Amino acid sequence: MGISIWQIIILLLMFIPTIWIYGRILNKAGYSRWWVLLIFVPIVNLIMIWVFAFAKWPRLEQTTSA
């Protein structure tokens, strides 16, 4: 009794939009989309949410200095 192909498909249908949305948010904030990989690291993902929430965003700094 293992995992079926339908369970894998459902998991992918849940994870792909989430990863894509987080990537777009990070890109608009001025960070690299590679930071999305931290979603898969259990404790680090919670810490990085706080870091990104309270850090100065590079994209915001570019628009205010110009």
PDB file of N, CA and C in Angstrom:
ATOM      1  N   MET A   1       0.844  -1.173   0.000  1.00  0.00           N
ATOM      2  CA  MET A   1       0.000   0.000   0.000  1.00  0.00           C
ATOM      3  C   MET A   1       0.892   1.240   0.000  1.00  0.00           C
ATOM      4  N   GLY A   2       1.206   1.715  -1.156  1.00  0.00           N
ATOM      5  CA  GLY A   2       2.075   2.878  -1.302  1.00  0.00           C
ATOM      6  C   GLY A   2       1.294   4.082  -1.787  1.00  0.00           C
ATOM      7  N   ILE A   3       2.022   5.042  -2.228  1.00  0.00           N
ATOM      8  CA  ILE A   3       1.411   6.263  -2.742  1.00  0.00           C
ATOM      9  C   ILE A   3       1.027   6.036  -4.202  1.00  0.00           C
ATOM     10  N   SER A   4      -0.160   6.459  -4.560  1.00  0.00           N
ATOM     11  CA  SER A   4      -0.631   6.242  -5.924  1.00  0.00           C
ATOM     12  C   SER A   4      -0.248   7.425  -6.815  1.00  0.00           C
ATOM     13  N   ILE A   5      -0.383   7.228  -8.091  1.00  0.00           N
ATOM     14  CA  ILE A   5      -0.061   8.282  -9.060  1.00  0.00           C
ATOM     15  C   ILE A   5      -1.010   9.473  -8.906  1.00  0.00           C
ATOM     16  N   TRP A   6      -2.249   9.209  -8.502  1.00  0.00           N
ATOM     17  CA  TRP A   6      -3.214  10.298  -8.327  1.00  0.00           C
ATOM     18  C   TRP A   6      -2.849  11.169  -7.135  1.00  0.00           C
ATOM     19  N   GLN A   7      -2.307  10.574  -6.094  1.00  0.00           N
ATOM     20  CA  GLN A   7      -1.861  11.362  -4.956  1.00  0.00           C
ATOM     21  C   GLN A   7      -0.675  12.239  -5.331  1.00  0.00           C
ATOM     22  N   ILE A   8       0.209  11.725  -6.154  1.00  0.00           N
ATOM     23  CA  ILE A   8       1.346  12.514  -6.621  1.00  0.00           C
ATOM     24  C   ILE A   8       0.866  13.673  -7.490  1.00  0.00           C
ATOM     25  N   ILE A   9      -0.087  13.421  -8.362  1.00  0.00           N
ATOM     26  CA  ILE A   9      -0.628  14.475  -9.224  1.00  0.00           C
ATOM     27  C   ILE A   9      -1.297  15.563  -8.387  1.00  0.00           C
ATOM     28  N   ILE A  10      -2.066  15.170  -7.379  1.00  0.00           N
ATOM     29  CA  ILE A  10      -2.732  16.150  -6.521  1.00  0.00           C
ATOM     30  C   ILE A  10      -1.709  16.991  -5.765  1.00  0.00           C
ATOM     31  N   LEU A  11      -0.658  16.348  -5.259  1.00  0.00           N
ATOM     32  CA  LEU A  11       0.393  17.102  -4.570  1.00  0.00           C
ATOM     33  C   LEU A  11       1.081  18.094  -5.506  1.00  0.00           C
ATOM     34  N   LEU A  12       1.350  17.666  -6.724  1.00  0.00           N
ATOM     35  CA  LEU A  12       1.970  18.575  -7.694  1.00  0.00           C
ATOM     36  C   LEU A  12       1.044  19.739  -8.032  1.00  0.00           C
ATOM     37  N   LEU A  13      -0.244  19.451  -8.165  1.00  0.00           N
ATOM     38  CA  LEU A  13      -1.203  20.517  -8.471  1.00  0.00           C
ATOM     39  C   LEU A  13      -1.326  21.511  -7.315  1.00  0.00           C
ATOM     40  N   MET A  14      -0.993  21.074  -6.118  1.00  0.00           N
ATOM     41  CA  MET A  14      -1.007  21.992  -4.978  1.00  0.00           C
ATOM     42  C   MET A  14       0.302  22.762  -4.861  1.00  0.00           C
ATOM     43  N   PHE A  15       1.428  22.113  -5.120  1.00  0.00           N
ATOM     44  CA  PHE A  15       2.726  22.741  -4.913  1.00  0.00           C
ATOM     45  C   PHE A  15       3.139  23.675  -6.044  1.00  0.00           C
ATOM     46  N   ILE A  16       2.863  23.335  -7.269  1.00  0.00           N
ATOM     47  CA  ILE A  16       3.328  24.149  -8.401  1.00  0.00           C
ATOM     48  C   ILE A  16       2.759  25.568  -8.369  1.00  0.00           C
ATOM     49  N   PRO A  17       1.450  25.773  -8.184  1.00  0.00           N
ATOM     50  CA  PRO A  17       0.964  27.160  -8.101  1.00  0.00           C
ATOM     51  C   PRO A  17       1.533  27.921  -6.900  1.00  0.00           C
ATOM     52  N   THR A  18       1.714  27.231  -5.785  1.00  0.00           N
ATOM     53  CA  THR A  18       2.268  27.883  -4.602  1.00  0.00           C
ATOM     54  C   THR A  18       3.693  28.346  -4.858  1.00  0.00           C
ATOM     55  N   ILE A  19       4.497  27.496  -5.433  1.00  0.00           N
ATOM     56  CA  ILE A  19       5.880  27.852  -5.736  1.00  0.00           C
ATOM     57  C   ILE A  19       5.929  28.978  -6.759  1.00  0.00           C
ATOM     58  N   TRP A  20       5.057  28.930  -7.745  1.00  0.00           N
ATOM     59  CA  TRP A  20       5.033  29.966  -8.778  1.00  0.00           C
ATOM     60  C   TRP A  20       4.654  31.327  -8.181  1.00  0.00           C
ATOM     61  N   ILE A  21       3.662  31.342  -7.290  1.00  0.00           N
ATOM     62  CA  ILE A  21       3.220  32.597  -6.677  1.00  0.00           C
ATOM     63  C   ILE A  21       4.324  33.171  -5.794  1.00  0.00           C
ATOM     64  N   TYR A  22       4.940  32.323  -4.967  1.00  0.00           N
ATOM     65  CA  TYR A  22       6.039  32.804  -4.130  1.00  0.00           C
ATOM     66  C   TYR A  22       7.194  33.336  -4.974  1.00  0.00           C
ATOM     67  N   GLY A  23       7.472  32.684  -6.081  1.00  0.00           N
ATOM     68  CA  GLY A  23       8.527  33.158  -6.970  1.00  0.00           C
ATOM     69  C   GLY A  23       8.220  34.519  -7.552  1.00  0.00           C
ATOM     70  N   ARG A  24       6.981  34.732  -7.926  1.00  0.00           N
ATOM     71  CA  ARG A  24       6.592  36.048  -8.465  1.00  0.00           C
ATOM     72  C   ARG A  24       6.702  37.141  -7.409  1.00  0.00           C
ATOM     73  N   ILE A  25       6.288  36.825  -6.182  1.00  0.00           N
ATOM     74  CA  ILE A  25       6.369  37.806  -5.105  1.00  0.00           C
ATOM     75  C   ILE A  25       7.823  38.165  -4.824  1.00  0.00           C
ATOM     76  N   LEU A  26       8.687  37.151  -4.737  1.00  0.00           N
ATOM     77  CA  LEU A  26      10.099  37.423  -4.486  1.00  0.00           C
ATOM     78  C   LEU A  26      10.728  38.213  -5.620  1.00  0.00           C
ATOM     79  N   ASN A  27      10.349  37.911  -6.854  1.00  0.00           N
ATOM     80  CA  ASN A  27      10.893  38.630  -7.999  1.00  0.00           C
ATOM     81  C   ASN A  27      10.459  40.101  -7.971  1.00  0.00           C
ATOM     82  N   LYS A  28       9.208  40.358  -7.644  1.00  0.00           N
ATOM     83  CA  LYS A  28       8.727  41.745  -7.573  1.00  0.00           C
ATOM     84  C   LYS A  28       9.378  42.504  -6.432  1.00  0.00           C
ATOM     85  N   ALA A  29       9.742  41.790  -5.371  1.00  0.00           N
ATOM     86  CA  ALA A  29      10.400  42.437  -4.234  1.00  0.00           C
ATOM     87  C   ALA A  29      11.872  42.711  -4.517  1.00  0.00           C
ATOM     88  N   GLY A  30      12.420  42.101  -5.561  1.00  0.00           N
ATOM     89  CA  GLY A  30      13.816  42.337  -5.918  1.00  0.00           C
ATOM     90  C   GLY A  30      14.749  41.217  -5.505  1.00  0.00           C
ATOM     91  N   TYR A  31      14.197  40.110  -5.011  1.00  0.00           N
ATOM     92  CA  TYR A  31      15.006  38.959  -4.629  1.00  0.00           C
ATOM     93  C   TYR A  31      14.996  37.930  -5.751  1.00  0.00           C
ATOM     94  N   SER A  32      15.930  37.007  -5.683  1.00  0.00           N
ATOM     95  CA  SER A  32      16.003  35.936  -6.663  1.00  0.00           C
ATOM     96  C   SER A  32      14.898  34.912  -6.414  1.00  0.00           C
ATOM     97  N   ARG A  33      14.399  34.327  -7.492  1.00  0.00           N
ATOM     98  CA  ARG A  33      13.369  33.285  -7.352  1.00  0.00           C
ATOM     99  C   ARG A  33      13.913  32.006  -6.741  1.00  0.00           C
ATOM    100  N   TRP A  34      15.211  31.861  -6.681  1.00  0.00           N
ATOM    101  CA  TRP A  34      15.816  30.662  -6.092  1.00  0.00           C
ATOM    102  C   TRP A  34      15.520  30.563  -4.598  1.00  0.00           C
ATOM    103  N   TRP A  35      15.158  31.669  -3.956  1.00  0.00           N
ATOM    104  CA  TRP A  35      14.807  31.638  -2.544  1.00  0.00           C
ATOM    105  C   TRP A  35      13.562  30.782  -2.294  1.00  0.00           C
ATOM    106  N   VAL A  36      12.805  30.491  -3.320  1.00  0.00           N
ATOM    107  CA  VAL A  36      11.610  29.662  -3.183  1.00  0.00           C
ATOM    108  C   VAL A  36      11.964  28.259  -2.691  1.00  0.00           C
ATOM    109  N   LEU A  37      13.162  27.799  -2.975  1.00  0.00           N
ATOM    110  CA  LEU A  37      13.564  26.460  -2.545  1.00  0.00           C
ATOM    111  C   LEU A  37      13.561  26.308  -1.024  1.00  0.00           C
ATOM    112  N   LEU A  38      13.573  27.424  -0.308  1.00  0.00           N
ATOM    113  CA  LEU A  38      13.531  27.342   1.153  1.00  0.00           C
ATOM    114  C   LEU A  38      12.175  26.881   1.673  1.00  0.00           C
ATOM    115  N   ILE A  39      11.174  26.821   0.813  1.00  0.00           N
ATOM    116  CA  ILE A  39       9.872  26.298   1.220  1.00  0.00           C
ATOM    117  C   ILE A  39      10.007  24.860   1.688  1.00  0.00           C
ATOM    118  N   PHE A  40      10.934  24.129   1.131  1.00  0.00           N
ATOM    119  CA  PHE A  40      11.076  22.710   1.430  1.00  0.00           C
ATOM    120  C   PHE A  40      11.942  22.417   2.651  1.00  0.00           C
ATOM    121  N   VAL A  41      12.520  23.443   3.273  1.00  0.00           N
ATOM    122  CA  VAL A  41      13.331  23.254   4.473  1.00  0.00           C
ATOM    123  C   VAL A  41      12.469  23.665   5.668  1.00  0.00           C
ATOM    124  N   PRO A  42      12.103  22.728   6.535  1.00  0.00           N
ATOM    125  CA  PRO A  42      11.052  22.963   7.529  1.00  0.00           C
ATOM    126  C   PRO A  42      11.188  24.197   8.420  1.00  0.00           C
ATOM    127  N   ILE A  43      12.240  24.380   9.155  1.00  0.00           N
ATOM    128  CA  ILE A  43      12.327  25.507  10.087  1.00  0.00           C
ATOM    129  C   ILE A  43      12.822  26.766   9.385  1.00  0.00           C
ATOM    130  N   VAL A  44      13.693  26.594   8.426  1.00  0.00           N
ATOM    131  CA  VAL A  44      14.276  27.741   7.724  1.00  0.00           C
ATOM    132  C   VAL A  44      13.209  28.522   6.978  1.00  0.00           C
ATOM    133  N   ASN A  45      12.185  27.858   6.443  1.00  0.00           N
ATOM    134  CA  ASN A  45      11.156  28.584   5.704  1.00  0.00           C
ATOM    135  C   ASN A  45      10.397  29.549   6.608  1.00  0.00           C
ATOM    136  N   LEU A  46      10.130  29.171   7.835  1.00  0.00           N
ATOM    137  CA  LEU A  46       9.444  30.079   8.757  1.00  0.00           C
ATOM    138  C   LEU A  46      10.321  31.261   9.133  1.00  0.00           C
ATOM    139  N   ILE A  47      11.608  31.011   9.325  1.00  0.00           N
ATOM    140  CA  ILE A  47      12.531  32.099   9.659  1.00  0.00           C
ATOM    141  C   ILE A  47      12.651  33.071   8.489  1.00  0.00           C
ATOM    142  N   MET A  48      12.757  32.542   7.266  1.00  0.00           N
ATOM    143  CA  MET A  48      12.928  33.421   6.104  1.00  0.00           C
ATOM    144  C   MET A  48      11.680  34.242   5.796  1.00  0.00           C
ATOM    145  N   ILE A  49      10.504  33.733   6.161  1.00  0.00           N
ATOM    146  CA  ILE A  49       9.297  34.554   6.002  1.00  0.00           C
ATOM    147  C   ILE A  49       9.427  35.822   6.835  1.00  0.00           C
ATOM    148  N   TRP A  50       9.901  35.693   8.061  1.00  0.00           N
ATOM    149  CA  TRP A  50      10.095  36.847   8.927  1.00  0.00           C
ATOM    150  C   TRP A  50      11.196  37.756   8.401  1.00  0.00           C
ATOM    151  N   VAL A  51      12.274  37.171   7.899  1.00  0.00           N
ATOM    152  CA  VAL A  51      13.375  37.977   7.369  1.00  0.00           C
ATOM    153  C   VAL A  51      12.909  38.793   6.173  1.00  0.00           C
ATOM    154  N   PHE A  52      12.190  38.171   5.239  1.00  0.00           N
ATOM    155  CA  PHE A  52      11.711  38.891   4.065  1.00  0.00           C
ATOM    156  C   PHE A  52      10.636  39.912   4.429  1.00  0.00           C
ATOM    157  N   ALA A  53       9.865  39.629   5.460  1.00  0.00           N
ATOM    158  CA  ALA A  53       8.802  40.552   5.838  1.00  0.00           C
ATOM    159  C   ALA A  53       9.348  41.849   6.425  1.00  0.00           C
ATOM    160  N   PHE A  54      10.432  41.770   7.180  1.00  0.00           N
ATOM    161  CA  PHE A  54      10.929  42.947   7.871  1.00  0.00           C
ATOM    162  C   PHE A  54      12.210  43.527   7.275  1.00  0.00           C
ATOM    163  N   ALA A  55      12.743  42.926   6.226  1.00  0.00           N
ATOM    164  CA  ALA A  55      13.950  43.457   5.580  1.00  0.00           C
ATOM    165  C   ALA A  55      13.563  44.548   4.588  1.00  0.00           C
ATOM    166  N   LYS A  56      14.530  45.385   4.268  1.00  0.00           N
ATOM    167  CA  LYS A  56      14.294  46.379   3.212  1.00  0.00           C
ATOM    168  C   LYS A  56      14.385  45.675   1.877  1.00  0.00           C
ATOM    169  N   TRP A  57      13.405  45.889   1.060  1.00  0.00           N
ATOM    170  CA  TRP A  57      13.350  45.209  -0.224  1.00  0.00           C
ATOM    171  C   TRP A  57      14.222  45.940  -1.224  1.00  0.00           C
ATOM    172  N   PRO A  58      15.094  45.208  -1.946  1.00  0.00           N
ATOM    173  CA  PRO A  58      15.984  45.851  -2.920  1.00  0.00           C
ATOM    174  C   PRO A  58      15.233  46.639  -3.991  1.00  0.00           C
ATOM    175  N   ARG A  59      14.121  46.154  -4.455  1.00  0.00           N
ATOM    176  CA  ARG A  59      13.369  46.839  -5.500  1.00  0.00           C
ATOM    177  C   ARG A  59      12.811  48.158  -4.985  1.00  0.00           C
ATOM    178  N   LEU A  60      12.377  48.192  -3.738  1.00  0.00           N
ATOM    179  CA  LEU A  60      11.844  49.415  -3.139  1.00  0.00           C
ATOM    180  C   LEU A  60      12.925  50.449  -2.959  1.00  0.00           C
ATOM    181  N   GLU A  61      14.140  50.023  -2.611  1.00  0.00           N
ATOM    182  CA  GLU A  61      15.256  50.943  -2.450  1.00  0.00           C
ATOM    183  C   GLU A  61      15.663  51.568  -3.779  1.00  0.00           C
ATOM    184  N   GLN A  62      15.557  50.822  -4.891  1.00  0.00           N
ATOM    185  CA  GLN A  62      15.915  51.344  -6.199  1.00  0.00           C
ATOM    186  C   GLN A  62      14.958  52.450  -6.624  1.00  0.00           C
ATOM    187  N   THR A  63      13.684  52.298  -6.345  1.00  0.00           N
ATOM    188  CA  THR A  63      12.696  53.287  -6.797  1.00  0.00           C
ATOM    189  C   THR A  63      12.754  54.542  -5.951  1.00  0.00           C
ATOM    190  N   THR A  64      13.102  54.454  -4.669  1.00  0.00           N
ATOM    191  CA  THR A  64      13.122  55.634  -3.832  1.00  0.00           C
ATOM    192  C   THR A  64      14.393  56.448  -4.014  1.00  0.00           C
ATOM    193  N   SER A  65      15.501  55.811  -4.438  1.00  0.00           N
ATOM    194  CA  SER A  65      16.752  56.538  -4.608  1.00  0.00           C
ATOM    195  C   SER A  65      16.833  57.243  -5.956  1.00  0.00           C
ATOM    196  N   ALA A  66      16.005  56.878  -6.902  1.00  0.00           N
ATOM    197  CA  ALA A  66      16.082  57.476  -8.236  1.00  0.00           C
ATOM    198  C   ALA A  66      15.329  58.775  -8.342  1.00  0.00           C
TER     199      ALA A  66
END
